[in-house]
N, C-alpha and C. Protein backbone atom coordinates (compact mmCIF):
# COMPACT_ATOMS: atom_id res chain seq x y z
N MET A 1 -0.69 -5.15 12.13
CA MET A 1 -1.79 -5.22 13.07
C MET A 1 -2.52 -6.54 12.89
N TYR A 2 -2.90 -7.15 13.97
CA TYR A 2 -3.62 -8.41 13.89
C TYR A 2 -5.11 -8.13 13.83
N LEU A 3 -5.78 -8.84 12.98
CA LEU A 3 -7.19 -8.58 12.73
C LEU A 3 -8.09 -9.69 13.22
N GLY A 4 -7.58 -10.83 13.47
CA GLY A 4 -8.40 -11.99 13.80
C GLY A 4 -7.84 -13.19 13.10
N GLU A 5 -8.59 -14.27 13.07
CA GLU A 5 -8.05 -15.50 12.51
C GLU A 5 -8.06 -15.52 11.00
N ALA A 6 -8.81 -14.67 10.35
CA ALA A 6 -8.93 -14.77 8.90
C ALA A 6 -8.12 -13.73 8.13
N THR A 7 -7.79 -12.61 8.72
CA THR A 7 -7.23 -11.51 7.93
C THR A 7 -6.26 -10.66 8.73
N ARG A 8 -5.30 -10.08 8.04
CA ARG A 8 -4.45 -9.03 8.58
C ARG A 8 -4.54 -7.85 7.62
N TYR A 9 -4.16 -6.68 8.11
CA TYR A 9 -4.15 -5.52 7.23
C TYR A 9 -2.98 -4.61 7.63
N HIS A 10 -2.60 -3.76 6.68
CA HIS A 10 -1.51 -2.83 6.93
C HIS A 10 -1.90 -1.46 6.37
N TYR A 11 -1.75 -0.44 7.19
CA TYR A 11 -2.07 0.93 6.78
C TYR A 11 -1.09 1.39 5.72
N ILE A 12 -1.59 1.95 4.62
CA ILE A 12 -0.76 2.46 3.54
C ILE A 12 -0.65 3.98 3.63
N GLY A 13 -1.79 4.67 3.80
CA GLY A 13 -1.74 6.13 3.86
C GLY A 13 -3.11 6.75 3.66
N CYS A 14 -3.10 8.07 3.59
CA CYS A 14 -4.31 8.87 3.42
C CYS A 14 -4.36 9.34 1.96
N PHE A 15 -5.45 9.03 1.26
CA PHE A 15 -5.55 9.32 -0.17
C PHE A 15 -6.84 10.06 -0.50
N GLU A 16 -6.73 10.94 -1.50
CA GLU A 16 -7.89 11.70 -1.96
C GLU A 16 -8.92 10.78 -2.59
N ASP A 17 -10.15 11.24 -2.55
CA ASP A 17 -11.27 10.48 -3.09
C ASP A 17 -12.11 11.43 -3.94
N GLU A 18 -12.56 10.97 -5.06
CA GLU A 18 -13.47 11.74 -5.92
C GLU A 18 -14.77 10.95 -6.04
N PRO A 19 -15.89 11.49 -5.57
CA PRO A 19 -17.15 10.74 -5.60
C PRO A 19 -17.57 10.27 -6.99
N THR A 20 -17.23 11.03 -8.03
CA THR A 20 -17.65 10.65 -9.38
C THR A 20 -16.61 9.81 -10.11
N ASP A 21 -15.40 9.67 -9.54
CA ASP A 21 -14.33 8.91 -10.17
C ASP A 21 -13.55 8.19 -9.07
N ASN A 22 -14.20 7.27 -8.41
CA ASN A 22 -13.66 6.62 -7.22
C ASN A 22 -12.71 5.50 -7.59
N ASP A 23 -11.65 5.30 -6.78
CA ASP A 23 -10.71 4.19 -6.95
C ASP A 23 -11.35 2.85 -6.63
N PHE A 24 -12.29 2.86 -5.70
CA PHE A 24 -12.81 1.62 -5.16
C PHE A 24 -14.04 1.14 -5.90
N ASP A 25 -14.20 -0.20 -5.94
CA ASP A 25 -15.30 -0.82 -6.67
C ASP A 25 -16.61 -0.80 -5.91
N THR A 26 -16.54 -0.88 -4.58
CA THR A 26 -17.77 -0.90 -3.79
C THR A 26 -17.67 0.12 -2.66
N ARG A 27 -18.82 0.55 -2.18
CA ARG A 27 -18.88 1.44 -1.02
C ARG A 27 -20.09 1.02 -0.20
N THR A 28 -19.85 0.77 1.09
CA THR A 28 -20.91 0.37 2.00
C THR A 28 -20.90 1.29 3.20
N ARG A 29 -22.06 1.83 3.52
CA ARG A 29 -22.18 2.72 4.69
C ARG A 29 -22.27 1.87 5.96
N MET A 30 -21.38 2.15 6.91
CA MET A 30 -21.33 1.41 8.18
C MET A 30 -21.16 2.40 9.32
N SER A 31 -22.02 3.36 9.43
CA SER A 31 -21.86 4.49 10.34
C SER A 31 -21.38 4.14 11.74
N GLY A 32 -22.16 3.42 12.53
CA GLY A 32 -21.83 3.24 13.95
C GLY A 32 -20.83 2.16 14.25
N THR A 33 -20.60 1.24 13.31
CA THR A 33 -19.75 0.08 13.59
C THR A 33 -18.43 0.11 12.85
N LEU A 34 -18.15 1.12 12.05
CA LEU A 34 -16.98 1.11 11.18
C LEU A 34 -15.67 1.11 11.96
N THR A 35 -14.84 0.12 11.68
CA THR A 35 -13.46 0.01 12.16
C THR A 35 -12.67 -0.63 11.02
N PRO A 36 -11.34 -0.57 11.05
CA PRO A 36 -10.57 -1.30 10.04
C PRO A 36 -10.86 -2.80 10.06
N THR A 37 -11.08 -3.37 11.22
CA THR A 37 -11.37 -4.80 11.33
C THR A 37 -12.67 -5.16 10.62
N VAL A 38 -13.71 -4.39 10.85
CA VAL A 38 -15.01 -4.63 10.23
C VAL A 38 -14.91 -4.46 8.71
N CYS A 39 -14.24 -3.41 8.27
CA CYS A 39 -14.12 -3.15 6.83
C CYS A 39 -13.27 -4.23 6.16
N ALA A 40 -12.17 -4.66 6.80
CA ALA A 40 -11.32 -5.71 6.21
C ALA A 40 -12.09 -7.01 6.05
N ALA A 41 -12.87 -7.37 7.05
CA ALA A 41 -13.67 -8.59 6.94
C ALA A 41 -14.68 -8.47 5.79
N HIS A 42 -15.31 -7.31 5.69
CA HIS A 42 -16.29 -7.05 4.63
C HIS A 42 -15.62 -7.17 3.24
N CYS A 43 -14.46 -6.53 3.07
CA CYS A 43 -13.78 -6.53 1.76
C CYS A 43 -13.19 -7.90 1.44
N THR A 44 -12.68 -8.60 2.45
CA THR A 44 -12.12 -9.94 2.24
C THR A 44 -13.20 -10.89 1.74
N ASP A 45 -14.38 -10.79 2.32
CA ASP A 45 -15.49 -11.65 1.89
C ASP A 45 -15.84 -11.43 0.42
N ARG A 46 -15.52 -10.28 -0.11
CA ARG A 46 -15.83 -9.95 -1.50
C ARG A 46 -14.63 -10.12 -2.43
N GLY A 47 -13.48 -10.58 -1.89
CA GLY A 47 -12.32 -10.88 -2.71
C GLY A 47 -11.40 -9.71 -3.03
N TYR A 48 -11.52 -8.60 -2.32
CA TYR A 48 -10.69 -7.42 -2.60
C TYR A 48 -9.43 -7.41 -1.75
N ILE A 49 -8.39 -6.69 -2.22
CA ILE A 49 -7.13 -6.64 -1.50
C ILE A 49 -6.83 -5.26 -0.89
N PHE A 50 -7.61 -4.23 -1.26
CA PHE A 50 -7.44 -2.91 -0.65
C PHE A 50 -8.77 -2.45 -0.06
N MET A 51 -8.67 -1.68 1.01
CA MET A 51 -9.88 -1.09 1.60
C MET A 51 -9.59 0.36 1.91
N GLY A 52 -10.64 1.17 1.81
CA GLY A 52 -10.55 2.58 2.17
C GLY A 52 -11.66 2.91 3.14
N LEU A 53 -11.31 3.54 4.24
CA LEU A 53 -12.30 3.98 5.21
C LEU A 53 -12.47 5.47 5.00
N GLY A 54 -13.66 5.90 4.62
CA GLY A 54 -13.87 7.28 4.23
C GLY A 54 -14.94 7.99 5.02
N GLY A 55 -14.62 9.22 5.38
CA GLY A 55 -15.59 10.10 6.02
C GLY A 55 -16.16 9.59 7.33
N GLY A 56 -15.51 8.64 7.96
CA GLY A 56 -15.99 8.12 9.24
C GLY A 56 -17.19 7.20 9.13
N ARG A 57 -17.62 6.87 7.91
CA ARG A 57 -18.82 6.04 7.81
C ARG A 57 -18.82 5.07 6.63
N ASN A 58 -17.89 5.19 5.70
CA ASN A 58 -17.91 4.35 4.51
C ASN A 58 -16.75 3.37 4.46
N CYS A 59 -17.06 2.12 4.17
CA CYS A 59 -16.08 1.07 3.92
C CYS A 59 -16.05 0.84 2.42
N LYS A 60 -14.91 1.07 1.80
CA LYS A 60 -14.76 0.94 0.35
C LYS A 60 -13.79 -0.19 0.06
N CYS A 61 -14.09 -1.00 -0.95
CA CYS A 61 -13.27 -2.15 -1.31
C CYS A 61 -12.84 -2.02 -2.76
N GLY A 62 -11.59 -2.43 -3.06
CA GLY A 62 -11.13 -2.36 -4.43
C GLY A 62 -9.85 -3.13 -4.67
N MET A 63 -9.42 -3.10 -5.92
CA MET A 63 -8.19 -3.76 -6.32
C MET A 63 -7.09 -2.72 -6.61
N ALA A 64 -7.39 -1.45 -6.41
CA ALA A 64 -6.41 -0.37 -6.64
C ALA A 64 -6.76 0.79 -5.73
N TYR A 65 -5.84 1.73 -5.61
CA TYR A 65 -6.07 2.93 -4.80
C TYR A 65 -5.12 4.02 -5.29
N GLY A 66 -5.34 5.25 -4.85
CA GLY A 66 -4.38 6.33 -5.06
C GLY A 66 -4.47 7.09 -6.36
N LYS A 67 -5.50 6.91 -7.13
CA LYS A 67 -5.63 7.56 -8.44
C LYS A 67 -5.58 9.09 -8.33
N HIS A 68 -6.05 9.63 -7.21
CA HIS A 68 -6.16 11.09 -7.07
C HIS A 68 -5.09 11.68 -6.15
N GLY A 69 -4.14 10.87 -5.72
CA GLY A 69 -3.01 11.37 -4.96
C GLY A 69 -3.06 11.13 -3.46
N GLU A 70 -1.87 11.10 -2.88
CA GLU A 70 -1.72 10.89 -1.44
C GLU A 70 -1.70 12.23 -0.73
N GLN A 71 -2.21 12.25 0.47
CA GLN A 71 -2.22 13.43 1.33
C GLN A 71 -1.50 13.09 2.64
N PRO A 72 -1.12 14.09 3.41
CA PRO A 72 -0.50 13.79 4.71
C PRO A 72 -1.48 12.98 5.58
N ASP A 73 -0.91 12.09 6.39
CA ASP A 73 -1.74 11.25 7.26
C ASP A 73 -2.63 12.08 8.18
N THR A 74 -2.20 13.29 8.51
CA THR A 74 -2.99 14.15 9.39
C THR A 74 -4.31 14.57 8.76
N GLY A 75 -4.43 14.47 7.44
CA GLY A 75 -5.68 14.81 6.77
C GLY A 75 -6.80 13.84 7.06
N CYS A 76 -6.45 12.57 7.27
CA CYS A 76 -7.44 11.54 7.61
C CYS A 76 -7.62 11.59 9.13
N ASN A 77 -8.49 12.49 9.58
CA ASN A 77 -8.57 12.79 11.00
C ASN A 77 -9.94 12.54 11.65
N VAL A 78 -10.81 11.79 10.97
CA VAL A 78 -12.11 11.45 11.54
C VAL A 78 -11.99 10.08 12.22
N ALA A 79 -12.21 10.06 13.51
CA ALA A 79 -12.10 8.80 14.27
C ALA A 79 -13.18 7.82 13.82
N CYS A 80 -12.83 6.55 13.80
CA CYS A 80 -13.79 5.51 13.45
C CYS A 80 -14.83 5.40 14.56
N PRO A 81 -16.12 5.40 14.21
CA PRO A 81 -17.15 5.35 15.24
C PRO A 81 -17.14 4.05 16.05
N GLY A 82 -16.66 2.95 15.45
CA GLY A 82 -16.62 1.68 16.17
C GLY A 82 -15.40 1.51 17.05
N ASP A 83 -14.34 2.31 16.82
CA ASP A 83 -13.11 2.27 17.63
C ASP A 83 -12.35 3.56 17.38
N GLY A 84 -12.48 4.50 18.27
CA GLY A 84 -11.91 5.83 18.13
C GLY A 84 -10.39 5.89 18.11
N THR A 85 -9.70 4.77 18.31
CA THR A 85 -8.25 4.78 18.24
C THR A 85 -7.75 4.71 16.80
N PHE A 86 -8.66 4.44 15.84
CA PHE A 86 -8.31 4.40 14.43
C PHE A 86 -8.97 5.57 13.70
N MET A 87 -8.32 6.04 12.64
CA MET A 87 -8.88 7.10 11.82
C MET A 87 -9.58 6.48 10.61
N CYS A 88 -10.77 6.98 10.32
CA CYS A 88 -11.59 6.50 9.21
C CYS A 88 -11.72 7.58 8.14
N GLY A 89 -10.58 8.10 7.68
CA GLY A 89 -10.57 9.07 6.61
C GLY A 89 -11.05 10.44 7.06
N ALA A 90 -11.68 11.15 6.13
CA ALA A 90 -12.25 12.48 6.36
C ALA A 90 -13.10 12.79 5.13
N LEU A 91 -13.68 13.97 5.08
CA LEU A 91 -14.47 14.36 3.92
C LEU A 91 -13.55 14.41 2.70
N GLY A 92 -13.80 13.58 1.70
CA GLY A 92 -12.99 13.54 0.48
C GLY A 92 -11.66 12.83 0.62
N LEU A 93 -11.44 12.14 1.76
CA LEU A 93 -10.19 11.41 1.98
C LEU A 93 -10.48 10.00 2.52
N ASN A 94 -9.65 9.05 2.11
CA ASN A 94 -9.77 7.67 2.58
C ASN A 94 -8.50 7.25 3.33
N SER A 95 -8.68 6.59 4.46
CA SER A 95 -7.57 5.89 5.12
C SER A 95 -7.49 4.55 4.40
N VAL A 96 -6.38 4.30 3.69
CA VAL A 96 -6.27 3.13 2.83
C VAL A 96 -5.39 2.06 3.48
N TYR A 97 -5.84 0.80 3.36
CA TYR A 97 -5.14 -0.35 3.93
C TYR A 97 -4.99 -1.43 2.88
N ARG A 98 -3.92 -2.23 2.98
CA ARG A 98 -3.73 -3.45 2.19
C ARG A 98 -4.21 -4.60 3.06
N ILE A 99 -5.00 -5.49 2.50
CA ILE A 99 -5.56 -6.62 3.24
C ILE A 99 -4.79 -7.88 2.86
N TYR A 100 -4.43 -8.67 3.86
CA TYR A 100 -3.76 -9.95 3.66
C TYR A 100 -4.68 -11.04 4.17
N LYS A 101 -5.11 -11.94 3.28
CA LYS A 101 -6.08 -12.96 3.63
C LYS A 101 -5.46 -14.10 4.41
N TYR A 102 -6.31 -14.81 5.10
CA TYR A 102 -5.99 -16.09 5.73
C TYR A 102 -4.84 -16.01 6.72
N ASP A 103 -4.67 -14.86 7.37
CA ASP A 103 -3.65 -14.70 8.38
C ASP A 103 -2.26 -15.02 7.84
N ASN A 104 -2.05 -14.75 6.56
CA ASN A 104 -0.78 -15.05 5.91
C ASN A 104 -0.11 -13.75 5.55
N PHE A 105 0.91 -13.38 6.28
CA PHE A 105 1.59 -12.10 6.06
C PHE A 105 2.80 -12.28 5.15
N ASN A 106 2.94 -13.45 4.51
CA ASN A 106 4.10 -13.72 3.67
C ASN A 106 4.24 -12.74 2.52
N GLU A 107 3.15 -12.11 2.11
CA GLU A 107 3.22 -11.19 0.99
C GLU A 107 4.15 -10.01 1.26
N LEU A 108 4.42 -9.71 2.53
CA LEU A 108 5.33 -8.61 2.86
C LEU A 108 6.74 -9.07 3.12
N LEU A 109 7.04 -10.35 2.95
CA LEU A 109 8.38 -10.84 3.24
C LEU A 109 9.28 -10.65 2.03
N PHE A 110 9.95 -9.52 1.96
CA PHE A 110 10.96 -9.28 0.95
C PHE A 110 12.29 -9.72 1.53
N HIS A 111 13.11 -10.34 0.72
CA HIS A 111 14.39 -10.86 1.19
C HIS A 111 15.51 -9.89 0.84
N ASP A 112 16.40 -9.67 1.77
CA ASP A 112 17.58 -8.84 1.55
C ASP A 112 18.46 -9.58 0.55
N SER A 113 18.85 -8.92 -0.51
CA SER A 113 19.63 -9.54 -1.56
C SER A 113 21.12 -9.46 -1.27
N LEU A 114 21.88 -10.35 -1.89
CA LEU A 114 23.34 -10.29 -1.79
C LEU A 114 23.91 -9.24 -2.73
N VAL A 115 23.09 -8.70 -3.62
CA VAL A 115 23.55 -7.65 -4.52
C VAL A 115 23.75 -6.38 -3.70
N SER A 116 24.91 -5.74 -3.85
CA SER A 116 25.26 -4.58 -3.03
C SER A 116 25.25 -3.30 -3.85
N ALA A 117 25.31 -2.17 -3.14
CA ALA A 117 25.42 -0.87 -3.81
C ALA A 117 26.62 -0.91 -4.74
N GLY A 118 26.46 -0.38 -5.95
CA GLY A 118 27.51 -0.37 -6.96
C GLY A 118 27.46 -1.57 -7.89
N ASP A 119 26.69 -2.61 -7.53
CA ASP A 119 26.55 -3.81 -8.38
C ASP A 119 25.37 -3.64 -9.33
N GLU A 120 25.47 -4.31 -10.48
CA GLU A 120 24.35 -4.35 -11.41
C GLU A 120 23.46 -5.53 -11.04
N LEU A 121 22.15 -5.38 -11.28
CA LEU A 121 21.26 -6.53 -11.12
C LEU A 121 21.61 -7.52 -12.21
N THR A 122 21.33 -8.78 -11.99
CA THR A 122 21.77 -9.84 -12.91
C THR A 122 20.93 -9.95 -14.17
N ARG A 123 19.89 -9.15 -14.30
CA ARG A 123 19.10 -9.14 -15.53
C ARG A 123 18.68 -7.71 -15.83
N ASN A 124 18.35 -7.43 -17.07
CA ASN A 124 17.86 -6.11 -17.44
C ASN A 124 16.49 -5.90 -16.83
N VAL A 125 16.26 -4.71 -16.31
CA VAL A 125 15.01 -4.41 -15.60
C VAL A 125 14.49 -3.03 -15.99
N THR A 126 13.24 -2.80 -15.64
CA THR A 126 12.62 -1.48 -15.75
C THR A 126 12.51 -0.94 -14.34
N THR A 127 12.85 0.32 -14.15
CA THR A 127 12.80 0.92 -12.82
C THR A 127 11.77 2.04 -12.78
N SER A 128 11.11 2.17 -11.65
CA SER A 128 10.12 3.22 -11.43
C SER A 128 10.38 3.84 -10.06
N PRO A 129 11.07 4.99 -10.00
CA PRO A 129 11.35 5.61 -8.70
C PRO A 129 10.12 6.33 -8.14
N VAL A 130 9.91 6.20 -6.83
CA VAL A 130 8.85 6.92 -6.12
C VAL A 130 9.41 7.39 -4.78
N GLY A 131 8.82 8.40 -4.22
CA GLY A 131 9.19 8.87 -2.89
C GLY A 131 8.17 8.39 -1.88
N VAL A 132 8.61 7.64 -0.87
CA VAL A 132 7.72 7.13 0.16
C VAL A 132 8.36 7.33 1.54
N ALA A 133 7.58 7.10 2.59
CA ALA A 133 8.03 7.39 3.95
C ALA A 133 8.89 6.31 4.58
N SER A 134 8.84 5.06 4.09
CA SER A 134 9.58 3.98 4.74
C SER A 134 9.82 2.85 3.75
N VAL A 135 10.77 1.97 4.11
CA VAL A 135 11.03 0.80 3.27
C VAL A 135 9.79 -0.11 3.24
N LEU A 136 9.01 -0.13 4.31
CA LEU A 136 7.78 -0.92 4.33
C LEU A 136 6.78 -0.39 3.30
N ARG A 137 6.63 0.93 3.24
CA ARG A 137 5.73 1.50 2.22
C ARG A 137 6.26 1.23 0.81
N CYS A 138 7.58 1.21 0.67
CA CYS A 138 8.18 0.87 -0.62
C CYS A 138 7.74 -0.54 -1.02
N GLY A 139 7.81 -1.49 -0.07
CA GLY A 139 7.37 -2.85 -0.34
C GLY A 139 5.89 -2.92 -0.66
N VAL A 140 5.09 -2.12 0.03
CA VAL A 140 3.64 -2.09 -0.24
C VAL A 140 3.38 -1.60 -1.66
N HIS A 141 4.12 -0.58 -2.11
CA HIS A 141 3.96 -0.11 -3.49
C HIS A 141 4.28 -1.23 -4.48
N CYS A 142 5.31 -2.01 -4.19
CA CYS A 142 5.66 -3.13 -5.06
C CYS A 142 4.54 -4.17 -5.07
N LEU A 143 4.01 -4.48 -3.90
CA LEU A 143 2.94 -5.47 -3.82
C LEU A 143 1.69 -5.02 -4.58
N ALA A 144 1.49 -3.71 -4.67
CA ALA A 144 0.32 -3.17 -5.37
C ALA A 144 0.48 -3.21 -6.89
N SER A 145 1.71 -3.45 -7.35
CA SER A 145 1.98 -3.50 -8.79
C SER A 145 2.23 -4.95 -9.20
N PRO A 146 1.35 -5.54 -10.00
CA PRO A 146 1.49 -6.95 -10.35
C PRO A 146 2.82 -7.29 -11.04
N SER A 147 3.46 -6.33 -11.71
CA SER A 147 4.69 -6.62 -12.43
C SER A 147 5.95 -6.45 -11.59
N CYS A 148 5.83 -5.89 -10.40
CA CYS A 148 6.99 -5.61 -9.56
C CYS A 148 7.48 -6.89 -8.88
N PHE A 149 8.80 -7.13 -8.94
CA PHE A 149 9.35 -8.29 -8.25
C PHE A 149 10.44 -7.94 -7.26
N GLY A 150 10.72 -6.65 -7.10
CA GLY A 150 11.73 -6.25 -6.13
C GLY A 150 11.76 -4.74 -5.98
N VAL A 151 12.49 -4.28 -4.96
CA VAL A 151 12.63 -2.85 -4.72
C VAL A 151 14.07 -2.54 -4.33
N VAL A 152 14.46 -1.30 -4.60
CA VAL A 152 15.72 -0.79 -4.08
C VAL A 152 15.36 0.36 -3.16
N TRP A 153 15.83 0.30 -1.93
CA TRP A 153 15.58 1.35 -0.94
C TRP A 153 16.85 2.18 -0.81
N ILE A 154 16.73 3.51 -1.02
CA ILE A 154 17.87 4.42 -0.98
C ILE A 154 17.58 5.49 0.07
N PRO A 155 17.99 5.27 1.33
CA PRO A 155 17.71 6.25 2.39
C PRO A 155 18.32 7.61 2.05
N GLY A 156 17.56 8.67 2.35
CA GLY A 156 18.04 10.03 2.14
C GLY A 156 17.82 10.57 0.74
N SER A 157 17.36 9.76 -0.18
CA SER A 157 17.10 10.20 -1.55
C SER A 157 15.65 10.69 -1.66
N VAL A 158 15.40 11.68 -2.52
CA VAL A 158 14.03 12.17 -2.72
C VAL A 158 13.16 11.04 -3.28
N LYS A 159 13.63 10.36 -4.29
CA LYS A 159 12.95 9.19 -4.86
C LYS A 159 13.60 7.96 -4.25
N ASN A 160 13.33 7.72 -2.96
CA ASN A 160 14.04 6.72 -2.17
C ASN A 160 13.61 5.28 -2.40
N CYS A 161 12.58 5.06 -3.18
CA CYS A 161 12.06 3.71 -3.44
C CYS A 161 12.05 3.50 -4.95
N VAL A 162 12.75 2.47 -5.41
CA VAL A 162 12.78 2.16 -6.84
C VAL A 162 12.12 0.80 -7.02
N LEU A 163 10.99 0.79 -7.74
CA LEU A 163 10.28 -0.45 -8.03
C LEU A 163 10.96 -1.13 -9.22
N ILE A 164 11.19 -2.42 -9.12
CA ILE A 164 11.89 -3.17 -10.15
C ILE A 164 10.90 -4.12 -10.83
N SER A 165 10.83 -4.04 -12.17
CA SER A 165 9.97 -4.94 -12.94
C SER A 165 10.68 -5.30 -14.23
N GLY A 166 10.05 -6.14 -15.02
CA GLY A 166 10.63 -6.55 -16.30
C GLY A 166 9.82 -6.07 -17.48
N ILE A 167 8.84 -5.17 -17.27
CA ILE A 167 8.01 -4.71 -18.38
C ILE A 167 8.53 -3.37 -18.89
N GLY A 168 8.05 -2.95 -20.02
CA GLY A 168 8.48 -1.67 -20.59
C GLY A 168 9.75 -1.84 -21.39
N ASN A 169 10.73 -0.99 -21.15
CA ASN A 169 12.01 -1.02 -21.85
C ASN A 169 13.12 -1.37 -20.87
N PRO A 170 13.31 -2.65 -20.57
CA PRO A 170 14.32 -3.03 -19.59
C PRO A 170 15.72 -2.64 -20.01
N GLY A 171 16.53 -2.33 -19.03
CA GLY A 171 17.93 -2.00 -19.26
C GLY A 171 18.76 -2.37 -18.05
N VAL A 172 20.05 -2.10 -18.14
CA VAL A 172 20.96 -2.40 -17.04
C VAL A 172 20.68 -1.43 -15.90
N TYR A 173 20.65 -1.94 -14.67
CA TYR A 173 20.43 -1.09 -13.50
C TYR A 173 21.51 -1.40 -12.47
N THR A 174 22.18 -0.34 -12.02
CA THR A 174 23.21 -0.45 -10.99
C THR A 174 22.65 0.11 -9.70
N ILE A 175 22.79 -0.63 -8.60
CA ILE A 175 22.29 -0.17 -7.30
C ILE A 175 23.09 1.07 -6.89
N PRO A 176 22.42 2.19 -6.60
CA PRO A 176 23.13 3.41 -6.21
C PRO A 176 23.83 3.27 -4.86
N THR A 177 24.80 4.12 -4.62
CA THR A 177 25.49 4.15 -3.33
C THR A 177 24.48 4.32 -2.22
N GLY A 178 24.59 3.49 -1.19
CA GLY A 178 23.67 3.56 -0.06
C GLY A 178 22.39 2.77 -0.27
N GLY A 179 22.14 2.29 -1.49
CA GLY A 179 20.92 1.54 -1.80
C GLY A 179 21.01 0.10 -1.39
N LYS A 180 19.86 -0.50 -1.14
CA LYS A 180 19.79 -1.90 -0.76
C LYS A 180 18.66 -2.55 -1.56
N TYR A 181 18.94 -3.68 -2.16
CA TYR A 181 17.99 -4.38 -3.03
C TYR A 181 17.25 -5.47 -2.24
N TYR A 182 15.92 -5.46 -2.36
CA TYR A 182 15.06 -6.48 -1.76
C TYR A 182 14.23 -7.12 -2.85
N HIS A 183 14.00 -8.41 -2.76
CA HIS A 183 13.18 -9.09 -3.76
C HIS A 183 12.22 -10.04 -3.05
N ASN A 184 11.16 -10.37 -3.78
CA ASN A 184 10.19 -11.30 -3.19
C ASN A 184 10.25 -12.63 -3.86
């Protein structure tokens, strides 16, 4: 989605919120004007990379999200008062977005690798499998993890997204049948 000349953002999902143990560093009430565009501009000015729109009135900014778990997108069902075509979370739920500064969407450009299913990656790696809805969300999970440098997307698998990093206990990793390796 295009946001203007300074920022772009991408919807990640609907996530639980705990008022006493919040993922986000700041919370600003913007009742009548709240939209993803307004919140992204607000959070970008403060140097944050994630934003959460909560309860139809709160713009939250932070460097992390998802501590309390993801919910179905249908849970974030309160329309934004500034633009009813967007959802601004719900009671106890945030519509979470990744913010890309300076109109530079390069952070989402993962390159299709020449490594094929059945091949080993050329270095020992640590893998973290997660289940997500799309290869784009898989890439977003990688971007949210500072140590991640690539992903393997395995369509039809329960844990269809494998985050690749070099921390922890690296070992040999072979791309599963049907998997495709992307790196940044």
